[in-house]
Amino acid sequence: MEAKAIARHIRISPTKVRPVMALIKGKGVDDALAVLRFTPNRAARVVAKVLASAAANAEHNLELGRDTLRVSRSHITVVVADE
């Protein structure tokens, strides 16, 4: 099963977020959060917040154990809207 979390209206360019997301792909949730904690990048804080939310969703909604959770995929969507 998959749990997901979405962050919207984040004002960071995708080119700055992608390398941070590449650091955590395939890692366990606790390992990924540890990597993000020591990554000196503003995008790391945002990704850590979304990852923690996805882990909480998996624990509470799907009743999965935190020690079995892994980051399987992550992606960035850029939406440009006309006001």
PDB file of N, CA and C in Angstrom:
ATOM      1  N   MET A   1       0.831  -1.180   0.000  1.00  0.00           N
ATOM      2  CA  MET A   1       0.000   0.000   0.000  1.00  0.00           C
ATOM      3  C   MET A   1       0.872   1.238   0.000  1.00  0.00           C
ATOM      4  N   GLU A   2       0.300   2.317  -0.471  1.00  0.00           N
ATOM      5  CA  GLU A   2       1.036   3.577  -0.521  1.00  0.00           C
ATOM      6  C   GLU A   2       0.290   4.646   0.255  1.00  0.00           C
ATOM      7  N   ALA A   3       1.052   5.441   0.949  1.00  0.00           N
ATOM      8  CA  ALA A   3       0.511   6.625   1.606  1.00  0.00           C
ATOM      9  C   ALA A   3       1.168   7.819   0.949  1.00  0.00           C
ATOM     10  N   LYS A   4       0.444   8.909   0.842  1.00  0.00           N
ATOM     11  CA  LYS A   4       1.041  10.073   0.206  1.00  0.00           C
ATOM     12  C   LYS A   4       0.684  11.338   0.963  1.00  0.00           C
ATOM     13  N   ALA A   5       1.473  12.350   0.706  1.00  0.00           N
ATOM     14  CA  ALA A   5       1.237  13.681   1.253  1.00  0.00           C
ATOM     15  C   ALA A   5       1.639  14.681   0.178  1.00  0.00           C
ATOM     16  N   ILE A   6       0.963  15.801   0.160  1.00  0.00           N
ATOM     17  CA  ILE A   6       1.185  16.814  -0.867  1.00  0.00           C
ATOM     18  C   ILE A   6       1.433  18.163  -0.188  1.00  0.00           C
ATOM     19  N   ALA A   7       2.423  18.876  -0.665  1.00  0.00           N
ATOM     20  CA  ALA A   7       2.678  20.242  -0.221  1.00  0.00           C
ATOM     21  C   ALA A   7       2.363  21.173  -1.380  1.00  0.00           C
ATOM     22  N   ARG A   8       1.544  22.141  -1.129  1.00  0.00           N
ATOM     23  CA  ARG A   8       1.155  23.077  -2.187  1.00  0.00           C
ATOM     24  C   ARG A   8       1.595  24.487  -1.835  1.00  0.00           C
ATOM     25  N   HIS A   9       1.715  25.293  -2.859  1.00  0.00           N
ATOM     26  CA  HIS A   9       2.056  26.713  -2.724  1.00  0.00           C
ATOM     27  C   HIS A   9       3.417  26.920  -2.047  1.00  0.00           C
ATOM     28  N   ILE A  10       4.367  26.079  -2.417  1.00  0.00           N
ATOM     29  CA  ILE A  10       5.731  26.192  -1.914  1.00  0.00           C
ATOM     30  C   ILE A  10       6.519  27.023  -2.915  1.00  0.00           C
ATOM     31  N   ARG A  11       7.167  28.056  -2.437  1.00  0.00           N
ATOM     32  CA  ARG A  11       7.865  28.965  -3.323  1.00  0.00           C
ATOM     33  C   ARG A  11       9.358  28.636  -3.396  1.00  0.00           C
ATOM     34  N   ILE A  12       9.655  27.447  -3.914  1.00  0.00           N
ATOM     35  CA  ILE A  12      11.025  27.011  -4.160  1.00  0.00           C
ATOM     36  C   ILE A  12      11.043  26.404  -5.560  1.00  0.00           C
ATOM     37  N   SER A  13      12.074  26.695  -6.318  1.00  0.00           N
ATOM     38  CA  SER A  13      12.122  26.171  -7.687  1.00  0.00           C
ATOM     39  C   SER A  13      12.338  24.655  -7.677  1.00  0.00           C
ATOM     40  N   PRO A  14      11.747  23.980  -8.646  1.00  0.00           N
ATOM     41  CA  PRO A  14      11.905  22.527  -8.728  1.00  0.00           C
ATOM     42  C   PRO A  14      13.345  22.077  -8.908  1.00  0.00           C
ATOM     43  N   THR A  15      14.156  22.888  -9.546  1.00  0.00           N
ATOM     44  CA  THR A  15      15.560  22.508  -9.739  1.00  0.00           C
ATOM     45  C   THR A  15      16.326  22.485  -8.426  1.00  0.00           C
ATOM     46  N   LYS A  16      15.851  23.191  -7.419  1.00  0.00           N
ATOM     47  CA  LYS A  16      16.485  23.156  -6.102  1.00  0.00           C
ATOM     48  C   LYS A  16      15.948  22.022  -5.241  1.00  0.00           C
ATOM     49  N   VAL A  17      14.735  21.571  -5.517  1.00  0.00           N
ATOM     50  CA  VAL A  17      14.121  20.517  -4.709  1.00  0.00           C
ATOM     51  C   VAL A  17      14.508  19.128  -5.202  1.00  0.00           C
ATOM     52  N   ARG A  18      14.677  18.960  -6.494  1.00  0.00           N
ATOM     53  CA  ARG A  18      14.955  17.634  -7.061  1.00  0.00           C
ATOM     54  C   ARG A  18      16.198  16.957  -6.475  1.00  0.00           C
ATOM     55  N   PRO A  19      17.323  17.655  -6.323  1.00  0.00           N
ATOM     56  CA  PRO A  19      18.494  16.977  -5.730  1.00  0.00           C
ATOM     57  C   PRO A  19      18.244  16.525  -4.292  1.00  0.00           C
ATOM     58  N   VAL A  20      17.458  17.266  -3.558  1.00  0.00           N
ATOM     59  CA  VAL A  20      17.141  16.884  -2.181  1.00  0.00           C
ATOM     60  C   VAL A  20      16.281  15.621  -2.180  1.00  0.00           C
ATOM     61  N   MET A  21      15.330  15.553  -3.093  1.00  0.00           N
ATOM     62  CA  MET A  21      14.468  14.383  -3.163  1.00  0.00           C
ATOM     63  C   MET A  21      15.236  13.151  -3.632  1.00  0.00           C
ATOM     64  N   ALA A  22      16.255  13.356  -4.452  1.00  0.00           N
ATOM     65  CA  ALA A  22      17.074  12.235  -4.914  1.00  0.00           C
ATOM     66  C   ALA A  22      17.879  11.620  -3.762  1.00  0.00           C
ATOM     67  N   LEU A  23      18.186  12.416  -2.754  1.00  0.00           N
ATOM     68  CA  LEU A  23      18.938  11.911  -1.604  1.00  0.00           C
ATOM     69  C   LEU A  23      18.168  10.864  -0.808  1.00  0.00           C
ATOM     70  N   ILE A  24      16.841  10.963  -0.778  1.00  0.00           N
ATOM     71  CA  ILE A  24      16.055  10.110   0.111  1.00  0.00           C
ATOM     72  C   ILE A  24      15.373   8.944  -0.595  1.00  0.00           C
ATOM     73  N   LYS A  25      15.418   8.906  -1.914  1.00  0.00           N
ATOM     74  CA  LYS A  25      14.714   7.853  -2.637  1.00  0.00           C
ATOM     75  C   LYS A  25      15.283   6.476  -2.282  1.00  0.00           C
ATOM     76  N   GLY A  26      14.395   5.561  -1.890  1.00  0.00           N
ATOM     77  CA  GLY A  26      14.786   4.201  -1.545  1.00  0.00           C
ATOM     78  C   GLY A  26      15.176   4.000  -0.099  1.00  0.00           C
ATOM     79  N   LYS A  27      15.235   5.043   0.684  1.00  0.00           N
ATOM     80  CA  LYS A  27      15.621   4.926   2.090  1.00  0.00           C
ATOM     81  C   LYS A  27      14.392   4.705   2.968  1.00  0.00           C
ATOM     82  N   GLY A  28      14.617   4.198   4.155  1.00  0.00           N
ATOM     83  CA  GLY A  28      13.561   4.094   5.146  1.00  0.00           C
ATOM     84  C   GLY A  28      13.190   5.491   5.638  1.00  0.00           C
ATOM     85  N   VAL A  29      12.033   5.609   6.237  1.00  0.00           N
ATOM     86  CA  VAL A  29      11.542   6.930   6.651  1.00  0.00           C
ATOM     87  C   VAL A  29      12.467   7.567   7.678  1.00  0.00           C
ATOM     88  N   ASP A  30      12.876   6.813   8.690  1.00  0.00           N
ATOM     89  CA  ASP A  30      13.744   7.390   9.717  1.00  0.00           C
ATOM     90  C   ASP A  30      15.116   7.774   9.161  1.00  0.00           C
ATOM     91  N   ASP A  31      15.662   6.951   8.271  1.00  0.00           N
ATOM     92  CA  ASP A  31      16.946   7.278   7.639  1.00  0.00           C
ATOM     93  C   ASP A  31      16.820   8.520   6.759  1.00  0.00           C
ATOM     94  N   ALA A  32      15.727   8.607   6.020  1.00  0.00           N
ATOM     95  CA  ALA A  32      15.513   9.757   5.140  1.00  0.00           C
ATOM     96  C   ALA A  32      15.363  11.038   5.942  1.00  0.00           C
ATOM     97  N   LEU A  33      14.641  10.964   7.048  1.00  0.00           N
ATOM     98  CA  LEU A  33      14.487  12.162   7.889  1.00  0.00           C
ATOM     99  C   LEU A  33      15.819  12.576   8.511  1.00  0.00           C
ATOM    100  N   ALA A  34      16.658  11.608   8.845  1.00  0.00           N
ATOM    101  CA  ALA A  34      17.986  11.930   9.385  1.00  0.00           C
ATOM    102  C   ALA A  34      18.851  12.604   8.327  1.00  0.00           C
ATOM    103  N   VAL A  35      18.793  12.126   7.098  1.00  0.00           N
ATOM    104  CA  VAL A  35      19.548  12.754   6.010  1.00  0.00           C
ATOM    105  C   VAL A  35      19.060  14.184   5.794  1.00  0.00           C
ATOM    106  N   LEU A  36      17.752  14.364   5.789  1.00  0.00           N
ATOM    107  CA  LEU A  36      17.193  15.699   5.550  1.00  0.00           C
ATOM    108  C   LEU A  36      17.510  16.662   6.690  1.00  0.00           C
ATOM    109  N   ARG A  37      17.598  16.145   7.904  1.00  0.00           N
ATOM    110  CA  ARG A  37      17.892  17.001   9.058  1.00  0.00           C
ATOM    111  C   ARG A  37      19.260  17.659   8.929  1.00  0.00           C
ATOM    112  N   PHE A  38      20.211  16.955   8.299  1.00  0.00           N
ATOM    113  CA  PHE A  38      21.567  17.479   8.183  1.00  0.00           C
ATOM    114  C   PHE A  38      21.905  17.985   6.784  1.00  0.00           C
ATOM    115  N   THR A  39      20.894  18.162   5.943  1.00  0.00           N
ATOM    116  CA  THR A  39      21.108  18.721   4.620  1.00  0.00           C
ATOM    117  C   THR A  39      20.936  20.238   4.699  1.00  0.00           C
ATOM    118  N   PRO A  40      21.972  21.001   4.376  1.00  0.00           N
ATOM    119  CA  PRO A  40      21.894  22.463   4.514  1.00  0.00           C
ATOM    120  C   PRO A  40      21.216  23.120   3.315  1.00  0.00           C
ATOM    121  N   ASN A  41      19.934  22.910   3.197  1.00  0.00           N
ATOM    122  CA  ASN A  41      19.192  23.435   2.068  1.00  0.00           C
ATOM    123  C   ASN A  41      17.787  23.757   2.546  1.00  0.00           C
ATOM    124  N   ARG A  42      17.232  24.854   2.092  1.00  0.00           N
ATOM    125  CA  ARG A  42      15.885  25.237   2.496  1.00  0.00           C
ATOM    126  C   ARG A  42      14.848  24.224   2.033  1.00  0.00           C
ATOM    127  N   ALA A  43      15.093  23.611   0.883  1.00  0.00           N
ATOM    128  CA  ALA A  43      14.168  22.616   0.346  1.00  0.00           C
ATOM    129  C   ALA A  43      14.110  21.378   1.234  1.00  0.00           C
ATOM    130  N   ALA A  44      15.178  21.082   1.961  1.00  0.00           N
ATOM    131  CA  ALA A  44      15.204  19.900   2.826  1.00  0.00           C
ATOM    132  C   ALA A  44      14.168  20.008   3.933  1.00  0.00           C
ATOM    133  N   ARG A  45      13.950  21.210   4.438  1.00  0.00           N
ATOM    134  CA  ARG A  45      12.941  21.391   5.493  1.00  0.00           C
ATOM    135  C   ARG A  45      11.547  21.098   4.969  1.00  0.00           C
ATOM    136  N   VAL A  46      11.257  21.550   3.756  1.00  0.00           N
ATOM    137  CA  VAL A  46       9.942  21.332   3.159  1.00  0.00           C
ATOM    138  C   VAL A  46       9.730  19.854   2.860  1.00  0.00           C
ATOM    139  N   VAL A  47      10.743  19.200   2.291  1.00  0.00           N
ATOM    140  CA  VAL A  47      10.635  17.781   1.964  1.00  0.00           C
ATOM    141  C   VAL A  47      10.497  16.955   3.240  1.00  0.00           C
ATOM    142  N   ALA A  48      11.210  17.331   4.294  1.00  0.00           N
ATOM    143  CA  ALA A  48      11.103  16.610   5.570  1.00  0.00           C
ATOM    144  C   ALA A  48       9.698  16.720   6.146  1.00  0.00           C
ATOM    145  N   LYS A  49       9.108  17.880   6.026  1.00  0.00           N
ATOM    146  CA  LYS A  49       7.757  18.087   6.532  1.00  0.00           C
ATOM    147  C   LYS A  49       6.751  17.224   5.782  1.00  0.00           C
ATOM    148  N   VAL A  50       6.890  17.152   4.460  1.00  0.00           N
ATOM    149  CA  VAL A  50       5.980  16.336   3.653  1.00  0.00           C
ATOM    150  C   VAL A  50       6.212  14.851   3.924  1.00  0.00           C
ATOM    151  N   LEU A  51       7.466  14.445   4.076  1.00  0.00           N
ATOM    152  CA  LEU A  51       7.776  13.051   4.363  1.00  0.00           C
ATOM    153  C   LEU A  51       7.213  12.633   5.719  1.00  0.00           C
ATOM    154  N   ALA A  52       7.334  13.488   6.711  1.00  0.00           N
ATOM    155  CA  ALA A  52       6.773  13.185   8.032  1.00  0.00           C
ATOM    156  C   ALA A  52       5.255  13.069   7.959  1.00  0.00           C
ATOM    157  N   SER A  53       4.633  13.897   7.151  1.00  0.00           N
ATOM    158  CA  SER A  53       3.183  13.830   6.979  1.00  0.00           C
ATOM    159  C   SER A  53       2.767  12.536   6.295  1.00  0.00           C
ATOM    160  N   ALA A  54       3.501  12.119   5.274  1.00  0.00           N
ATOM    161  CA  ALA A  54       3.191  10.866   4.586  1.00  0.00           C
ATOM    162  C   ALA A  54       3.366   9.674   5.523  1.00  0.00           C
ATOM    163  N   ALA A  55       4.400   9.715   6.363  1.00  0.00           N
ATOM    164  CA  ALA A  55       4.611   8.627   7.321  1.00  0.00           C
ATOM    165  C   ALA A  55       3.474   8.584   8.345  1.00  0.00           C
ATOM    166  N   ALA A  56       3.030   9.738   8.791  1.00  0.00           N
ATOM    167  CA  ALA A  56       1.911   9.784   9.733  1.00  0.00           C
ATOM    168  C   ALA A  56       0.629   9.278   9.082  1.00  0.00           C
ATOM    169  N   ASN A  57       0.430   9.617   7.815  1.00  0.00           N
ATOM    170  CA  ASN A  57      -0.742   9.103   7.100  1.00  0.00           C
ATOM    171  C   ASN A  57      -0.704   7.581   6.996  1.00  0.00           C
ATOM    172  N   ALA A  58       0.463   7.027   6.748  1.00  0.00           N
ATOM    173  CA  ALA A  58       0.597   5.576   6.638  1.00  0.00           C
ATOM    174  C   ALA A  58       0.333   4.893   7.974  1.00  0.00           C
ATOM    175  N   GLU A  59       0.831   5.504   9.050  1.00  0.00           N
ATOM    176  CA  GLU A  59       0.642   4.915  10.369  1.00  0.00           C
ATOM    177  C   GLU A  59      -0.811   4.957  10.822  1.00  0.00           C
ATOM    178  N   HIS A  60      -1.455   6.086  10.655  1.00  0.00           N
ATOM    179  CA  HIS A  60      -2.789   6.270  11.210  1.00  0.00           C
ATOM    180  C   HIS A  60      -3.901   5.799  10.278  1.00  0.00           C
ATOM    181  N   ASN A  61      -3.788   6.080   9.004  1.00  0.00           N
ATOM    182  CA  ASN A  61      -4.867   5.726   8.075  1.00  0.00           C
ATOM    183  C   ASN A  61      -4.770   4.290   7.580  1.00  0.00           C
ATOM    184  N   LEU A  62      -3.554   3.830   7.310  1.00  0.00           N
ATOM    185  CA  LEU A  62      -3.371   2.490   6.750  1.00  0.00           C
ATOM    186  C   LEU A  62      -2.902   1.474   7.782  1.00  0.00           C
ATOM    187  N   GLU A  63      -2.609   1.936   8.993  1.00  0.00           N
ATOM    188  CA  GLU A  63      -2.157   1.088  10.099  1.00  0.00           C
ATOM    189  C   GLU A  63      -0.907   0.283   9.752  1.00  0.00           C
ATOM    190  N   LEU A  64       0.069   0.954   9.154  1.00  0.00           N
ATOM    191  CA  LEU A  64       1.346   0.327   8.812  1.00  0.00           C
ATOM    192  C   LEU A  64       2.383   0.695   9.865  1.00  0.00           C
ATOM    193  N   GLY A  65       3.355  -0.176  10.071  1.00  0.00           N
ATOM    194  CA  GLY A  65       4.422   0.100  11.028  1.00  0.00           C
ATOM    195  C   GLY A  65       5.446   1.063  10.444  1.00  0.00           C
ATOM    196  N   ARG A  66       5.914   1.985  11.253  1.00  0.00           N
ATOM    197  CA  ARG A  66       6.859   2.996  10.774  1.00  0.00           C
ATOM    198  C   ARG A  66       8.183   2.384  10.337  1.00  0.00           C
ATOM    199  N   ASP A  67       8.589   1.295  10.988  1.00  0.00           N
ATOM    200  CA  ASP A  67       9.878   0.679  10.656  1.00  0.00           C
ATOM    201  C   ASP A  67       9.863  -0.040   9.311  1.00  0.00           C
ATOM    202  N   THR A  68       8.685  -0.284   8.736  1.00  0.00           N
ATOM    203  CA  THR A  68       8.598  -0.954   7.434  1.00  0.00           C
ATOM    204  C   THR A  68       8.425   0.021   6.279  1.00  0.00           C
ATOM    205  N   LEU A  69       8.293   1.301   6.567  1.00  0.00           N
ATOM    206  CA  LEU A  69       8.021   2.293   5.523  1.00  0.00           C
ATOM    207  C   LEU A  69       9.293   2.696   4.796  1.00  0.00           C
ATOM    208  N   ARG A  70       9.186   2.829   3.468  1.00  0.00           N
ATOM    209  CA  ARG A  70      10.284   3.276   2.611  1.00  0.00           C
ATOM    210  C   ARG A  70       9.774   4.341   1.657  1.00  0.00           C
ATOM    211  N   VAL A  71      10.681   5.201   1.214  1.00  0.00           N
ATOM    212  CA  VAL A  71      10.342   6.203   0.205  1.00  0.00           C
ATOM    213  C   VAL A  71      10.439   5.513  -1.149  1.00  0.00           C
ATOM    214  N   SER A  72       9.307   5.249  -1.761  1.00  0.00           N
ATOM    215  CA  SER A  72       9.329   4.525  -3.032  1.00  0.00           C
ATOM    216  C   SER A  72       9.424   5.471  -4.218  1.00  0.00           C
ATOM    217  N   ARG A  73       8.725   6.580  -4.161  1.00  0.00           N
ATOM    218  CA  ARG A  73       8.811   7.549  -5.251  1.00  0.00           C
ATOM    219  C   ARG A  73       8.429   8.925  -4.736  1.00  0.00           C
ATOM    220  N   SER A  74       8.929   9.910  -5.421  1.00  0.00           N
ATOM    221  CA  SER A  74       8.602  11.295  -5.101  1.00  0.00           C
ATOM    222  C   SER A  74       8.701  12.095  -6.393  1.00  0.00           C
ATOM    223  N   HIS A  75       7.859  13.079  -6.519  1.00  0.00           N
ATOM    224  CA  HIS A  75       7.924  13.898  -7.720  1.00  0.00           C
ATOM    225  C   HIS A  75       7.454  15.313  -7.421  1.00  0.00           C
ATOM    226  N   ILE A  76       7.791  16.203  -8.337  1.00  0.00           N
ATOM    227  CA  ILE A  76       7.461  17.617  -8.212  1.00  0.00           C
ATOM    228  C   ILE A  76       6.581  17.991  -9.383  1.00  0.00           C
ATOM    229  N   THR A  77       5.522  18.679  -9.092  1.00  0.00           N
ATOM    230  CA  THR A  77       4.636  19.171 -10.143  1.00  0.00           C
ATOM    231  C   THR A  77       4.659  20.686 -10.102  1.00  0.00           C
ATOM    232  N   VAL A  78       4.867  21.282 -11.247  1.00  0.00           N
ATOM    233  CA  VAL A  78       4.871  22.735 -11.350  1.00  0.00           C
ATOM    234  C   VAL A  78       3.587  23.153 -12.052  1.00  0.00           C
ATOM    235  N   VAL A  79       2.847  24.025 -11.396  1.00  0.00           N
ATOM    236  CA  VAL A  79       1.586  24.522 -11.964  1.00  0.00           C
ATOM    237  C   VAL A  79       1.698  26.028 -12.116  1.00  0.00           C
ATOM    238  N   VAL A  80       1.431  26.499 -13.322  1.00  0.00           N
ATOM    239  CA  VAL A  80       1.434  27.929 -13.576  1.00  0.00           C
ATOM    240  C   VAL A  80      -0.002  28.330 -13.876  1.00  0.00           C
ATOM    241  N   ALA A  81      -0.502  29.316 -13.142  1.00  0.00           N
ATOM    242  CA  ALA A  81      -1.896  29.716 -13.299  1.00  0.00           C
ATOM    243  C   ALA A  81      -1.968  31.200 -13.639  1.00  0.00           C
ATOM    244  N   ASP A  82      -2.970  31.534 -14.390  1.00  0.00           N
ATOM    245  CA  ASP A  82      -3.243  32.931 -14.743  1.00  0.00           C
ATOM    246  C   ASP A  82      -4.174  33.508 -13.688  1.00  0.00           C
ATOM    247  N   GLU A  83      -3.825  34.660 -13.159  1.00  0.00           N
ATOM    248  CA  GLU A  83      -4.642  35.239 -12.094  1.00  0.00           C
ATOM    249  C   GLU A  83      -5.819  35.918 -12.623  1.00  0.00           C
TER     250      GLU A  83
END
